[in-house]
Amino acid sequence: MNLDYLYPKLYLVPETHSVPTPLHEQEILVIAKQEDLDNDAEFLNKILKAINKAGDDHTFILGFKESDQLDFTQWSRRHFSHVIIFGINPQKLGLNTKLGGYRFYKTETYSIMLGHPLSTISAQQKYKKALWTCLQTEFVKN
């Protein structure tokens, strides 16, 4: 599926595990399984539109394959205000933490939220509701 019309700046984790650099600062880093981005691109776009963060001026999207490993500390040096991770074990990103889902946790430099894979969220109403409640609290009601 060609995702250029939805995500003109969709990045994949390269084999060298180096971090692609955004051309300019974005507010939100979204990390999701590549297969979910391929199959549920419309759903992610709806999520981002609902919080007025669609488009590459606001969001940097990183496609993550099951075999990928990434040191998240490289990303935490960027100036993202929010990090949203869908369906990826935090340890695969070098995060040694256990966080509950669908809640933003504040760090010194960003807020981070974990959720199920996009395919799971789009298929189950209870996860859609949990995600929407979390996003409303963080973005819409502020």
C-alpha atoms as a PDB file:
ATOM      1  CA  MET A   1       0.000   0.000   0.000  1.00  0.00           C
ATOM      2  CA  ASN A   2       1.338   3.413  -0.937  1.00  0.00           C
ATOM      3  CA  LEU A   3       1.094   5.611   2.158  1.00  0.00           C
ATOM      4  CA  ASP A   4       2.601   8.765   0.641  1.00  0.00           C
ATOM      5  CA  TYR A   5      -0.722  10.553   0.556  1.00  0.00           C
ATOM      6  CA  LEU A   6      -1.239  10.008   4.298  1.00  0.00           C
ATOM      7  CA  TYR A   7       2.298  10.152   5.617  1.00  0.00           C
ATOM      8  CA  PRO A   8       4.687  12.089   3.399  1.00  0.00           C
ATOM      9  CA  LYS A   9       7.389  11.658   6.070  1.00  0.00           C
ATOM     10  CA  LEU A  10       7.000   8.014   7.143  1.00  0.00           C
ATOM     11  CA  TYR A  11      10.327   6.603   8.315  1.00  0.00           C
ATOM     12  CA  LEU A  12      11.482   3.042   8.833  1.00  0.00           C
ATOM     13  CA  VAL A  13      14.151   1.938  11.275  1.00  0.00           C
ATOM     14  CA  PRO A  14      17.138   1.310   8.990  1.00  0.00           C
ATOM     15  CA  GLU A  15      19.163  -1.885   9.207  1.00  0.00           C
ATOM     16  CA  THR A  16      22.014   0.060  10.843  1.00  0.00           C
ATOM     17  CA  HIS A  17      19.578   1.160  13.579  1.00  0.00           C
ATOM     18  CA  SER A  18      20.605   4.758  13.077  1.00  0.00           C
ATOM     19  CA  VAL A  19      17.912   7.317  13.662  1.00  0.00           C
ATOM     20  CA  PRO A  20      16.599   9.309  10.696  1.00  0.00           C
ATOM     21  CA  THR A  21      16.554  12.997  11.483  1.00  0.00           C
ATOM     22  CA  PRO A  22      13.387  15.014  10.936  1.00  0.00           C
ATOM     23  CA  LEU A  23      13.822  18.028   8.696  1.00  0.00           C
ATOM     24  CA  HIS A  24      12.203  20.200  11.365  1.00  0.00           C
ATOM     25  CA  GLU A  25      10.922  19.764  14.880  1.00  0.00           C
ATOM     26  CA  GLN A  26       7.631  17.963  15.309  1.00  0.00           C
ATOM     27  CA  GLU A  27       5.440  17.803  18.377  1.00  0.00           C
ATOM     28  CA  ILE A  28       4.608  14.117  18.356  1.00  0.00           C
ATOM     29  CA  LEU A  29       6.623  10.976  17.713  1.00  0.00           C
ATOM     30  CA  VAL A  30       4.439   7.983  16.818  1.00  0.00           C
ATOM     31  CA  ILE A  31       6.118   4.581  16.819  1.00  0.00           C
ATOM     32  CA  ALA A  32       4.027   1.704  15.488  1.00  0.00           C
ATOM     33  CA  LYS A  33       4.516  -1.680  13.907  1.00  0.00           C
ATOM     34  CA  GLN A  34       5.187  -1.300  10.206  1.00  0.00           C
ATOM     35  CA  GLU A  35       2.515  -3.870   9.341  1.00  0.00           C
ATOM     36  CA  ASP A  36      -0.041  -1.813  11.295  1.00  0.00           C
ATOM     37  CA  LEU A  37       0.986   1.327   9.447  1.00  0.00           C
ATOM     38  CA  ASP A  38       0.564  -0.557   6.179  1.00  0.00           C
ATOM     39  CA  ASN A  39      -2.849  -1.970   7.106  1.00  0.00           C
ATOM     40  CA  ASP A  40      -4.323   0.671   9.426  1.00  0.00           C
ATOM     41  CA  ALA A  41      -2.993   3.912   7.964  1.00  0.00           C
ATOM     42  CA  GLU A  42      -6.476   5.398   7.635  1.00  0.00           C
ATOM     43  CA  PHE A  43      -7.215   4.628  11.291  1.00  0.00           C
ATOM     44  CA  LEU A  44      -4.013   6.328  12.493  1.00  0.00           C
ATOM     45  CA  ASN A  45      -4.776   9.316  10.298  1.00  0.00           C
ATOM     46  CA  LYS A  46      -8.237   9.596  11.909  1.00  0.00           C
ATOM     47  CA  ILE A  47      -6.647   9.482  15.357  1.00  0.00           C
ATOM     48  CA  LEU A  48      -4.227  12.276  14.487  1.00  0.00           C
ATOM     49  CA  LYS A  49      -6.932  14.387  12.829  1.00  0.00           C
ATOM     50  CA  ALA A  50      -9.138  14.052  15.924  1.00  0.00           C
ATOM     51  CA  ILE A  51      -6.452  15.762  18.001  1.00  0.00           C
ATOM     52  CA  ASN A  52      -5.509  18.217  15.231  1.00  0.00           C
ATOM     53  CA  LYS A  53      -2.045  16.705  14.791  1.00  0.00           C
ATOM     54  CA  ALA A  54      -2.283  15.170  11.311  1.00  0.00           C
ATOM     55  CA  GLY A  55       0.363  16.098   8.761  1.00  0.00           C
ATOM     56  CA  ASP A  56       4.112  16.233   8.891  1.00  0.00           C
ATOM     57  CA  ASP A  57       4.236  19.630  10.558  1.00  0.00           C
ATOM     58  CA  HIS A  58       3.089  18.022  13.801  1.00  0.00           C
ATOM     59  CA  THR A  59       3.929  14.332  13.690  1.00  0.00           C
ATOM     60  CA  PHE A  60       6.972  12.160  12.997  1.00  0.00           C
ATOM     61  CA  ILE A  61       5.910   8.552  12.325  1.00  0.00           C
ATOM     62  CA  LEU A  62       8.358   5.692  12.691  1.00  0.00           C
ATOM     63  CA  GLY A  63       7.556   2.241  11.280  1.00  0.00           C
ATOM     64  CA  PHE A  64       8.977  -0.546  13.431  1.00  0.00           C
ATOM     65  CA  LYS A  65       9.510  -4.142  12.278  1.00  0.00           C
ATOM     66  CA  GLU A  66       9.365  -7.088  14.679  1.00  0.00           C
ATOM     67  CA  SER A  67      13.097  -7.731  14.199  1.00  0.00           C
ATOM     68  CA  ASP A  68      14.076  -4.121  14.941  1.00  0.00           C
ATOM     69  CA  GLN A  69      15.826  -2.941  18.087  1.00  0.00           C
ATOM     70  CA  LEU A  70      16.235   0.751  18.746  1.00  0.00           C
ATOM     71  CA  ASP A  71      17.871   2.753  21.494  1.00  0.00           C
ATOM     72  CA  PHE A  72      15.152   5.190  22.471  1.00  0.00           C
ATOM     73  CA  THR A  73      17.641   7.493  24.195  1.00  0.00           C
ATOM     74  CA  GLN A  74      18.610   8.732  20.718  1.00  0.00           C
ATOM     75  CA  TRP A  75      15.012   9.808  20.203  1.00  0.00           C
ATOM     76  CA  SER A  76      14.566  11.326  23.643  1.00  0.00           C
ATOM     77  CA  ARG A  77      17.168  13.935  22.731  1.00  0.00           C
ATOM     78  CA  ARG A  78      14.825  15.246  20.050  1.00  0.00           C
ATOM     79  CA  HIS A  79      12.310  17.890  21.006  1.00  0.00           C
ATOM     80  CA  PHE A  80       9.101  15.919  20.847  1.00  0.00           C
ATOM     81  CA  SER A  81       6.551  16.944  23.429  1.00  0.00           C
ATOM     82  CA  HIS A  82       4.707  13.619  23.145  1.00  0.00           C
ATOM     83  CA  VAL A  83       5.664  10.058  22.260  1.00  0.00           C
ATOM     84  CA  ILE A  84       2.921   7.575  21.372  1.00  0.00           C
ATOM     85  CA  ILE A  85       3.853   3.914  20.984  1.00  0.00           C
ATOM     86  CA  PHE A  86       1.414   1.423  19.473  1.00  0.00           C
ATOM     87  CA  GLY A  87       1.934  -2.307  19.927  1.00  0.00           C
ATOM     88  CA  ILE A  88       5.656  -2.401  20.668  1.00  0.00           C
ATOM     89  CA  ASN A  89       7.230  -3.784  23.804  1.00  0.00           C
ATOM     90  CA  PRO A  90       9.093  -0.878  25.460  1.00  0.00           C
ATOM     91  CA  GLN A  91      12.142  -3.109  25.961  1.00  0.00           C
ATOM     92  CA  LYS A  92      12.501  -3.364  22.159  1.00  0.00           C
ATOM     93  CA  LEU A  93      13.053   0.397  22.263  1.00  0.00           C
ATOM     94  CA  GLY A  94      15.613   0.219  25.050  1.00  0.00           C
ATOM     95  CA  LEU A  95      13.127   1.445  27.660  1.00  0.00           C
ATOM     96  CA  ASN A  96      13.575  -0.418  30.914  1.00  0.00           C
ATOM     97  CA  THR A  97      10.169   0.404  32.328  1.00  0.00           C
ATOM     98  CA  LYS A  98       6.703  -0.962  32.814  1.00  0.00           C
ATOM     99  CA  LEU A  99       4.000   1.533  31.981  1.00  0.00           C
ATOM    100  CA  GLY A 100       0.273   1.006  31.939  1.00  0.00           C
ATOM    101  CA  GLY A 101      -1.516   1.614  28.677  1.00  0.00           C
ATOM    102  CA  TYR A 102      -3.627   4.556  27.577  1.00  0.00           C
ATOM    103  CA  ARG A 103      -2.171   7.085  29.982  1.00  0.00           C
ATOM    104  CA  PHE A 104       0.467   9.733  29.377  1.00  0.00           C
ATOM    105  CA  TYR A 105       3.452   9.583  31.715  1.00  0.00           C
ATOM    106  CA  LYS A 106       5.462  12.772  31.975  1.00  0.00           C
ATOM    107  CA  THR A 107       9.260  12.744  31.911  1.00  0.00           C
ATOM    108  CA  GLU A 108      11.577  15.741  32.065  1.00  0.00           C
ATOM    109  CA  THR A 109      11.379  16.339  28.330  1.00  0.00           C
ATOM    110  CA  TYR A 110       8.301  14.574  26.934  1.00  0.00           C
ATOM    111  CA  SER A 111       5.117  12.684  27.760  1.00  0.00           C
ATOM    112  CA  ILE A 112       4.858   9.041  26.705  1.00  0.00           C
ATOM    113  CA  MET A 113       1.853   6.778  26.134  1.00  0.00           C
ATOM    114  CA  LEU A 114       1.676   3.098  25.264  1.00  0.00           C
ATOM    115  CA  GLY A 115      -1.213   1.382  23.524  1.00  0.00           C
ATOM    116  CA  HIS A 116      -2.108  -1.861  21.807  1.00  0.00           C
ATOM    117  CA  PRO A 117      -1.293  -2.386  18.122  1.00  0.00           C
ATOM    118  CA  LEU A 118      -3.370  -0.206  15.819  1.00  0.00           C
ATOM    119  CA  SER A 119      -5.068  -3.319  14.410  1.00  0.00           C
ATOM    120  CA  THR A 120      -6.246  -4.324  17.897  1.00  0.00           C
ATOM    121  CA  ILE A 121      -7.460  -0.835  18.776  1.00  0.00           C
ATOM    122  CA  SER A 122      -9.379  -0.436  15.528  1.00  0.00           C
ATOM    123  CA  ALA A 123     -11.127  -3.778  16.070  1.00  0.00           C
ATOM    124  CA  GLN A 124     -12.154  -3.360  19.722  1.00  0.00           C
ATOM    125  CA  GLN A 125     -14.388  -0.610  21.018  1.00  0.00           C
ATOM    126  CA  LYS A 126     -13.019  -0.724  24.580  1.00  0.00           C
ATOM    127  CA  TYR A 127      -9.512   0.120  23.343  1.00  0.00           C
ATOM    128  CA  LYS A 128     -10.815   2.863  21.047  1.00  0.00           C
ATOM    129  CA  LYS A 129     -12.603   4.390  24.023  1.00  0.00           C
ATOM    130  CA  ALA A 130      -9.525   4.132  26.261  1.00  0.00           C
ATOM    131  CA  LEU A 131      -7.336   5.739  23.583  1.00  0.00           C
ATOM    132  CA  TRP A 132      -9.820   8.531  22.904  1.00  0.00           C
ATOM    133  CA  THR A 133     -10.232   9.298  26.606  1.00  0.00           C
ATOM    134  CA  CYS A 134      -6.447   9.520  27.007  1.00  0.00           C
ATOM    135  CA  LEU A 135      -5.985  11.704  23.922  1.00  0.00           C
ATOM    136  CA  GLN A 136      -8.852  14.015  24.900  1.00  0.00           C
ATOM    137  CA  THR A 137      -7.336  14.535  28.331  1.00  0.00           C
ATOM    138  CA  GLU A 138      -3.906  15.331  26.864  1.00  0.00           C
ATOM    139  CA  PHE A 139      -4.739  17.269  23.701  1.00  0.00           C
ATOM    140  CA  VAL A 140      -8.363  18.282  23.318  1.00  0.00           C
ATOM    141  CA  LYS A 141      -9.264  19.522  26.789  1.00  0.00           C
ATOM    142  CA  ASN A 142      -6.073  21.549  27.275  1.00  0.00           C
END
